[in-house]
């Protein structure tokens, strides 16, 4: 027969002791099973529908993928479940830590920053320390953290094992110095000049004597980002007048595009800017033949860049016609530009695109304005 408190058998104190022991078991067992910090984690994550499992589950799953050499899968798993990790408590060896950071960075650079920082903190003399700093700097560069870029990249002491990465490092450091100096010249005096000097070194190293071009490209990029179109175009024209063919052609296409962008952002001179943009795209084709015909590589350009430029020119001319609305000749010019692509590319996707654009857009809009195209 059961005994109750107050009668001979179990006393109140015994019952209370048993309850305390049971509660301790309930609390201690999960601590032993999941680790000293996971009890709070379980309580917290169970309230989050996106993280139904304790943190240990996510870490173990990811760790297993890394053990199996599936670093890309591990990176995607972590990026997808990012909120379910307490990043700084990951207990991985340096190889796994770095592989995971690289894999996450391939999906989302910003999410990889914590992992790179964990690596730097955990392995201050590790073999991937420069690579981790470079990884952080690329994320900082994308987010406009110019000071962070300069701090990270000036700490990179050796080669990154890849010519492309070493080049990217040089270019990012130059641009970050320049942007930081322009952003806050009083706090960071001399950074603008340092950026220009570094970019001059970069272009001189890769393209020969291109100091003027280096300065021009840097300043053009800066001014265009600030929507200072006149200054950007002026500096790009310096590049066009230079001897480096590839950079000159790139600058010419940027000039045409800047006039087009200004037509949309500053509509007061919209018609003139659209017309100038069309003309500047035409100059691009002229420059290609003038600079490349003797080298025999014009056909190579026709199969990639030149066709894109010509198609863009046709579309800008069409937009010009649509803004004027009353001039049939402007639509005819657009048709002529697209028809030139049809003739030049008798059996390619460019011909198909141009033919379709003429019928569905140019002629359709012309007739919509009752001009009888």
Protein backbone atom coordinates (compact mmCIF):
# COMPACT_ATOMS: atom_id res chain seq x y z
CA UNK A 1 0.00 0.00 0.00
CA UNK A 2 1.38 3.44 -0.93
CA UNK A 3 2.81 5.62 1.79
CA UNK A 4 2.03 9.32 1.98
CA UNK A 5 3.72 12.14 3.78
CA UNK A 6 2.59 12.41 7.34
CA UNK A 7 2.33 8.65 7.72
CA UNK A 8 5.02 6.16 8.42
CA UNK A 9 7.09 5.82 5.18
CA UNK A 10 8.31 8.69 2.96
CA UNK A 11 8.49 12.03 4.73
CA UNK A 12 8.07 15.49 3.18
CA UNK A 13 11.79 16.07 3.23
CA UNK A 14 12.41 12.85 1.30
CA UNK A 15 9.86 13.78 -1.35
CA UNK A 16 11.42 17.22 -1.78
CA UNK A 17 14.87 15.64 -2.12
CA UNK A 18 13.59 13.29 -4.82
CA UNK A 19 12.05 16.19 -6.73
CA UNK A 20 15.32 18.13 -6.55
CA UNK A 21 17.28 15.10 -7.79
CA UNK A 22 14.86 14.65 -10.71
CA UNK A 23 15.20 18.30 -11.69
CA UNK A 24 18.98 18.06 -11.55
CA UNK A 25 18.89 15.02 -13.84
CA UNK A 26 16.66 16.88 -16.30
CA UNK A 27 19.09 19.80 -16.38
CA UNK A 28 22.41 17.92 -16.23
CA UNK A 29 21.77 15.21 -18.85
CA UNK A 30 21.37 17.65 -21.77
CA UNK A 31 24.51 19.47 -20.59
CA UNK A 32 26.43 16.20 -20.81
CA UNK A 33 24.84 15.23 -24.10
CA UNK A 34 25.05 18.54 -25.97
CA UNK A 35 27.82 20.49 -24.25
CA UNK A 36 27.91 23.10 -21.52
CA UNK A 37 26.37 25.90 -23.57
CA UNK A 38 23.70 24.07 -25.51
CA UNK A 39 20.89 24.03 -22.96
CA UNK A 40 20.23 27.72 -23.45
CA UNK A 41 20.79 27.18 -27.14
CA UNK A 42 18.10 24.48 -27.28
CA UNK A 43 15.62 26.71 -25.51
CA UNK A 44 16.39 29.60 -27.81
CA UNK A 45 16.46 27.66 -31.07
CA UNK A 46 13.23 25.81 -30.35
CA UNK A 47 11.54 29.19 -30.50
CA UNK A 48 13.02 29.83 -33.95
CA UNK A 49 11.25 27.89 -36.72
CA UNK A 50 14.31 28.34 -38.95
CA UNK A 51 16.59 26.60 -36.44
CA UNK A 52 14.65 23.62 -35.05
CA UNK A 53 17.83 21.78 -34.01
CA UNK A 54 20.41 22.69 -31.36
CA UNK A 55 23.56 24.38 -32.59
CA UNK A 56 25.54 21.17 -32.09
CA UNK A 57 23.51 19.54 -34.87
CA UNK A 58 24.50 22.20 -37.39
CA UNK A 59 28.16 22.12 -36.36
CA UNK A 60 28.32 18.31 -36.48
CA UNK A 61 26.58 18.17 -39.87
CA UNK A 62 28.95 20.74 -41.31
CA UNK A 63 31.99 19.07 -39.69
CA UNK A 64 31.03 15.73 -41.23
CA UNK A 65 30.85 17.32 -44.68
CA UNK A 66 34.31 18.81 -44.18
CA UNK A 67 35.69 15.44 -43.03
CA UNK A 68 34.35 13.96 -46.26
CA UNK A 69 36.10 16.64 -48.31
CA UNK A 70 32.80 18.31 -49.23
CA UNK A 71 33.88 21.87 -48.47
CA UNK A 72 31.52 23.46 -51.02
CA UNK A 73 28.53 21.58 -49.60
CA UNK A 74 29.58 22.56 -46.08
CA UNK A 75 29.85 26.20 -47.12
CA UNK A 76 26.40 26.18 -48.70
CA UNK A 77 24.93 24.42 -45.64
CA UNK A 78 26.43 27.04 -43.35
CA UNK A 79 25.40 29.98 -45.54
CA UNK A 80 21.83 28.64 -45.70
CA UNK A 81 21.72 28.01 -41.91
CA UNK A 82 23.84 30.99 -40.94
CA UNK A 83 21.58 32.23 -38.14
CA UNK A 84 21.78 28.84 -36.43
CA UNK A 85 25.54 29.06 -35.78
CA UNK A 86 27.40 30.93 -33.10
CA UNK A 87 30.31 31.61 -35.43
CA UNK A 88 33.06 32.38 -32.94
CA UNK A 89 32.62 29.11 -31.05
CA UNK A 90 33.37 26.83 -33.98
CA UNK A 91 36.04 24.40 -32.89
CA UNK A 92 37.76 23.41 -36.14
CA UNK A 93 41.38 22.87 -37.04
CA UNK A 94 42.90 25.61 -39.17
CA UNK A 95 42.58 23.71 -42.45
CA UNK A 96 38.86 23.09 -41.92
CA UNK A 97 38.28 26.61 -40.67
CA UNK A 98 39.86 28.14 -43.75
CA UNK A 99 38.18 25.75 -46.20
CA UNK A 100 34.83 26.57 -44.67
CA UNK A 101 35.45 30.31 -44.83
CA UNK A 102 36.40 30.05 -48.51
CA UNK A 103 33.32 27.95 -49.29
CA UNK A 104 30.99 30.38 -47.52
CA UNK A 105 32.71 33.34 -49.23
CA UNK A 106 31.95 31.80 -52.63
CA UNK A 107 28.26 32.13 -51.75
CA UNK A 108 28.18 35.22 -49.54
CA UNK A 109 31.34 37.25 -48.84
CA UNK A 110 29.81 39.16 -45.95
CA UNK A 111 28.84 35.99 -44.07
CA UNK A 112 32.39 34.67 -44.42
CA UNK A 113 33.94 37.64 -42.59
CA UNK A 114 33.29 36.15 -39.13
CA UNK A 115 34.90 32.88 -40.18
CA UNK A 116 37.98 34.62 -41.55
CA UNK A 117 38.24 36.67 -38.35
CA UNK A 118 37.91 33.49 -36.28
CA UNK A 119 40.79 32.01 -38.24
CA UNK A 120 42.98 35.09 -37.76
CA UNK A 121 42.24 35.17 -34.02
CA UNK A 122 42.73 31.43 -33.53
CA UNK A 123 45.79 31.03 -35.75
CA UNK A 124 47.73 34.34 -35.76
CA UNK A 125 50.68 32.60 -37.41
CA UNK A 126 48.62 30.19 -39.51
CA UNK A 127 49.55 29.31 -43.05
CA UNK A 128 46.39 30.90 -44.47
CA UNK A 129 46.58 34.18 -42.57
CA UNK A 130 47.20 36.32 -45.68
CA UNK A 131 44.44 34.52 -47.56
CA UNK A 132 42.02 35.20 -44.69
CA UNK A 133 42.93 38.89 -44.70
CA UNK A 134 42.41 38.98 -48.46
CA UNK A 135 39.01 37.29 -48.09
CA UNK A 136 37.92 39.87 -45.52
CA UNK A 137 39.18 42.72 -47.69
CA UNK A 138 37.07 41.61 -50.68
CA UNK A 139 33.95 41.69 -48.48
CA UNK A 140 34.92 45.09 -47.07
CA UNK A 141 35.56 46.40 -50.59
CA UNK A 142 32.11 45.34 -51.78
CA UNK A 143 30.49 47.08 -48.79
CA UNK A 144 32.55 50.28 -49.15
CA UNK A 145 34.58 49.81 -45.95
CA UNK A 146 37.66 51.49 -47.43
CA UNK A 147 39.53 51.79 -44.14
CA UNK A 148 39.01 48.08 -43.46
CA UNK A 149 40.38 47.24 -46.92
CA UNK A 150 43.54 49.29 -46.40
CA UNK A 151 44.11 47.82 -42.94
CA UNK A 152 43.69 44.24 -44.11
CA UNK A 153 45.66 44.46 -47.34
CA UNK A 154 48.62 46.36 -45.89
CA UNK A 155 48.95 43.42 -43.48
CA UNK A 156 49.27 40.93 -46.35
CA UNK A 157 53.00 40.33 -46.48
CA UNK A 158 53.46 37.72 -49.19
CA UNK A 159 52.06 36.35 -52.40
CA UNK A 160 48.57 34.86 -52.35
CA UNK A 161 49.74 32.03 -54.59
CA UNK A 162 47.80 33.28 -57.59
CA UNK A 163 48.73 36.02 -60.03
CA UNK A 164 45.07 37.00 -60.36
CA UNK A 165 44.68 37.38 -56.59
CA UNK A 166 47.93 39.32 -56.28
CA UNK A 167 46.75 41.67 -59.03
CA UNK A 168 43.35 42.04 -57.41
CA UNK A 169 45.02 42.84 -54.09
CA UNK A 170 47.09 45.63 -55.68
CA UNK A 171 44.09 47.13 -57.45
CA UNK A 172 41.80 47.00 -54.40
CA UNK A 173 44.43 48.61 -52.18
CA UNK A 174 44.96 51.43 -54.68
CA UNK A 175 41.25 52.14 -55.08
CA UNK A 176 40.53 51.87 -51.33
CA UNK A 177 43.26 54.39 -50.51
CA UNK A 178 41.90 56.79 -53.10
CA UNK A 179 38.27 56.43 -52.01
CA UNK A 180 39.18 56.82 -48.32
CA UNK A 181 41.13 59.99 -49.04
CA UNK A 182 38.27 61.42 -51.08
CA UNK A 183 35.66 60.47 -48.50
CA UNK A 184 37.39 62.14 -45.55
CA UNK A 185 40.52 64.08 -46.59
CA UNK A 186 40.92 65.74 -43.19
CA UNK A 187 40.99 62.48 -41.25
CA UNK A 188 42.99 60.61 -43.89
CA UNK A 189 45.37 63.12 -45.49
CA UNK A 190 47.57 61.77 -48.25
CA UNK A 191 45.42 58.71 -48.95
CA UNK A 192 44.22 60.10 -52.28
CA UNK A 193 47.79 60.62 -53.46
CA UNK A 194 48.78 57.16 -52.21
CA UNK A 195 45.90 55.61 -54.13
CA UNK A 196 46.85 57.38 -57.34
CA UNK A 197 50.50 56.39 -56.91
CA UNK A 198 49.57 52.74 -56.31
CA UNK A 199 47.30 52.68 -59.34
CA UNK A 200 50.02 54.22 -61.47
CA UNK A 201 52.33 51.42 -60.33
CA UNK A 202 49.69 48.83 -61.11
CA UNK A 203 49.03 50.01 -64.66
CA UNK A 204 52.70 50.64 -65.35
CA UNK A 205 53.42 47.08 -64.28
CA UNK A 206 50.67 45.49 -66.36
CA UNK A 207 50.26 47.81 -69.33
CA UNK A 208 53.58 49.62 -69.69
CA UNK A 209 53.87 53.38 -69.50
CA UNK A 210 50.27 54.13 -68.53
CA UNK A 211 50.56 56.67 -65.73
CA UNK A 212 48.16 59.13 -67.34
CA UNK A 213 45.79 56.28 -68.11
CA UNK A 214 45.96 55.01 -64.57
CA UNK A 215 45.08 58.37 -63.09
CA UNK A 216 42.38 58.90 -65.70
CA UNK A 217 40.68 55.56 -65.10
CA UNK A 218 40.75 56.01 -61.35
CA UNK A 219 39.33 59.52 -61.46
CA UNK A 220 36.75 58.58 -64.10
CA UNK A 221 35.51 55.75 -61.90
CA UNK A 222 35.34 58.03 -58.89
CA UNK A 223 33.49 60.82 -60.67
CA UNK A 224 31.04 58.50 -62.41
CA UNK A 225 30.19 56.90 -59.06
CA UNK A 226 29.39 60.38 -57.77
CA UNK A 227 27.37 61.12 -60.92
CA UNK A 228 29.80 63.87 -61.93
CA UNK A 229 29.44 62.96 -65.59
CA UNK A 230 31.44 65.80 -67.12
CA UNK A 231 34.58 65.08 -65.11
CA UNK A 232 34.22 61.34 -65.65
CA UNK A 233 33.88 61.79 -69.42
CA UNK A 234 36.83 64.18 -69.53
CA UNK A 235 39.12 61.66 -67.84
CA UNK A 236 37.87 58.82 -70.02
CA UNK A 237 38.75 60.86 -73.08
CA UNK A 238 42.32 60.99 -71.75
CA UNK A 239 42.31 57.20 -71.83
CA UNK A 240 40.89 57.10 -75.36
CA UNK A 241 43.70 59.33 -76.56
CA UNK A 242 46.31 56.97 -75.07
CA UNK A 243 48.22 54.21 -76.79
CA UNK A 244 46.74 51.24 -74.94
CA UNK A 245 44.16 49.84 -77.37
CA UNK A 246 42.21 47.65 -74.96
CA UNK A 247 41.86 50.35 -72.32
CA UNK A 248 41.03 52.99 -74.95
CA UNK A 249 38.18 50.90 -76.36
CA UNK A 250 36.88 50.18 -72.88
CA UNK A 251 36.94 53.90 -72.09
CA UNK A 252 35.12 54.72 -75.35
CA UNK A 253 32.26 52.38 -74.49
CA UNK A 254 32.08 53.87 -70.99
CA UNK A 255 31.80 57.38 -72.44
CA UNK A 256 28.84 56.31 -74.58
CA UNK A 257 27.20 54.64 -71.60
CA UNK A 258 27.69 57.68 -69.34
CA UNK A 259 25.88 59.92 -71.81
CA UNK A 260 23.04 57.40 -71.85
CA UNK A 261 22.93 57.25 -68.03
CA UNK A 262 22.92 61.03 -67.80
CA UNK A 263 19.97 61.17 -70.20
CA UNK A 264 17.97 59.22 -67.63
CA UNK A 265 19.27 60.85 -64.45
CA UNK A 266 19.34 64.44 -65.73
CA UNK A 267 16.40 64.70 -68.17
CA UNK A 268 16.88 68.43 -68.89
CA UNK A 269 19.26 67.57 -71.76
CA UNK A 270 17.86 64.14 -72.46
CA UNK A 271 17.58 64.40 -76.25
CA UNK A 272 21.09 65.80 -76.71
CA UNK A 273 22.62 63.21 -74.40
CA UNK A 274 20.87 60.35 -76.18
CA UNK A 275 22.05 61.64 -79.54
CA UNK A 276 25.60 62.00 -78.23
CA UNK A 277 25.47 58.50 -76.77
CA UNK A 278 24.53 57.10 -80.18
CA UNK A 279 27.42 58.98 -81.78
CA UNK A 280 29.89 57.80 -79.13
CA UNK A 281 28.85 54.17 -79.67
CA UNK A 282 29.52 54.77 -83.37
CA UNK A 283 33.01 56.01 -82.51
CA UNK A 284 33.64 52.71 -80.73
CA UNK A 285 33.23 50.79 -83.98
CA UNK A 286 35.46 53.30 -85.78
CA UNK A 287 38.13 52.88 -83.09
CA UNK A 288 37.97 49.08 -83.36
CA UNK A 289 38.70 49.11 -87.08
CA UNK A 290 41.28 51.89 -86.83
CA UNK A 291 43.22 50.15 -84.06
CA UNK A 292 42.68 46.47 -84.77
CA UNK A 293 42.17 45.95 -88.52
CA UNK A 294 45.91 45.79 -89.24
CA UNK A 295 46.35 43.18 -86.50
CA UNK A 296 43.76 40.84 -88.03
CA UNK A 297 41.70 40.45 -84.86
CA UNK A 298 38.64 42.48 -85.85
CA UNK A 299 36.69 39.30 -86.57
CA UNK A 300 37.37 38.10 -83.04
CA UNK A 301 35.91 41.33 -81.69
CA UNK A 302 32.90 41.03 -83.97
CA UNK A 303 32.07 37.74 -82.30
CA UNK A 304 31.85 39.30 -78.86
CA UNK A 305 32.26 42.94 -77.95
CA UNK A 306 31.60 44.82 -81.16
CA UNK A 307 28.25 43.14 -81.81
CA UNK A 308 27.08 44.00 -78.30
CA UNK A 309 28.09 47.64 -78.77
CA UNK A 310 26.27 47.86 -82.11
CA UNK A 311 23.12 46.34 -80.64
CA UNK A 312 23.27 48.80 -77.76
CA UNK A 313 23.67 51.67 -80.22
CA UNK A 314 20.54 50.53 -82.05
CA UNK A 315 18.56 50.43 -78.78
CA UNK A 316 19.74 53.89 -77.69
CA UNK A 317 18.77 55.30 -81.11
CA UNK A 318 15.36 53.68 -80.67
CA UNK A 319 14.99 55.36 -77.26
CA UNK A 320 15.95 58.67 -78.86
CA UNK A 321 13.22 58.18 -81.48
CA UNK A 322 10.69 57.36 -78.76
CA UNK A 323 11.53 60.55 -76.89
CA UNK A 324 11.18 62.70 -80.01
CA UNK A 325 8.05 60.77 -81.14
CA UNK A 326 7.34 62.90 -84.23
CA UNK A 327 10.34 62.16 -86.46
CA UNK A 328 10.06 59.04 -88.62
CA UNK A 329 13.70 59.43 -89.70
CA UNK A 330 14.89 58.70 -86.16
CA UNK A 331 13.08 55.35 -86.23
CA UNK A 332 14.53 54.66 -89.67
CA UNK A 333 18.02 55.27 -88.29
CA UNK A 334 17.36 52.74 -85.54
CA UNK A 335 16.15 50.21 -88.13
CA UNK A 336 19.24 50.84 -90.22
CA UNK A 337 21.54 50.19 -87.26
CA UNK A 338 19.84 46.92 -86.38
CA UNK A 339 19.70 45.88 -90.05
CA UNK A 340 23.46 46.32 -90.25
CA UNK A 341 23.75 43.65 -87.56
CA UNK A 342 21.42 41.39 -89.56
CA UNK A 343 23.66 41.72 -92.64
CA UNK A 344 26.94 41.33 -90.75
CA UNK A 345 25.77 38.31 -88.76
CA UNK A 346 23.89 36.28 -91.30
CA UNK A 347 23.72 33.14 -89.16
CA UNK A 348 24.00 33.97 -85.49
CA UNK A 349 22.01 34.88 -82.40
CA UNK A 350 22.78 38.55 -83.04
CA UNK A 351 20.88 38.45 -86.32
CA UNK A 352 17.89 36.88 -84.59
CA UNK A 353 17.95 39.43 -81.77
CA UNK A 354 18.24 42.36 -84.18
CA UNK A 355 15.42 41.13 -86.45
CA UNK A 356 13.17 40.59 -83.47
CA UNK A 357 13.96 44.00 -82.03
CA UNK A 358 13.14 45.75 -85.31
CA UNK A 359 9.72 44.11 -85.59
CA UNK A 360 8.63 44.08 -81.95
CA UNK A 361 9.99 47.44 -80.81
CA UNK A 362 11.15 49.87 -83.48
CA UNK A 363 8.37 49.36 -86.06
CA UNK A 364 5.74 48.82 -83.37
CA UNK A 365 6.57 52.08 -81.58
CA UNK A 366 6.85 54.00 -84.85
CA UNK A 367 3.36 52.90 -85.87
CA UNK A 368 2.05 53.59 -82.38
CA UNK A 369 3.02 57.21 -83.04
CA UNK A 370 1.20 57.08 -86.41
CA UNK A 371 4.35 57.61 -88.49
CA UNK A 372 3.70 54.75 -90.93
CA UNK A 373 6.89 52.71 -90.63
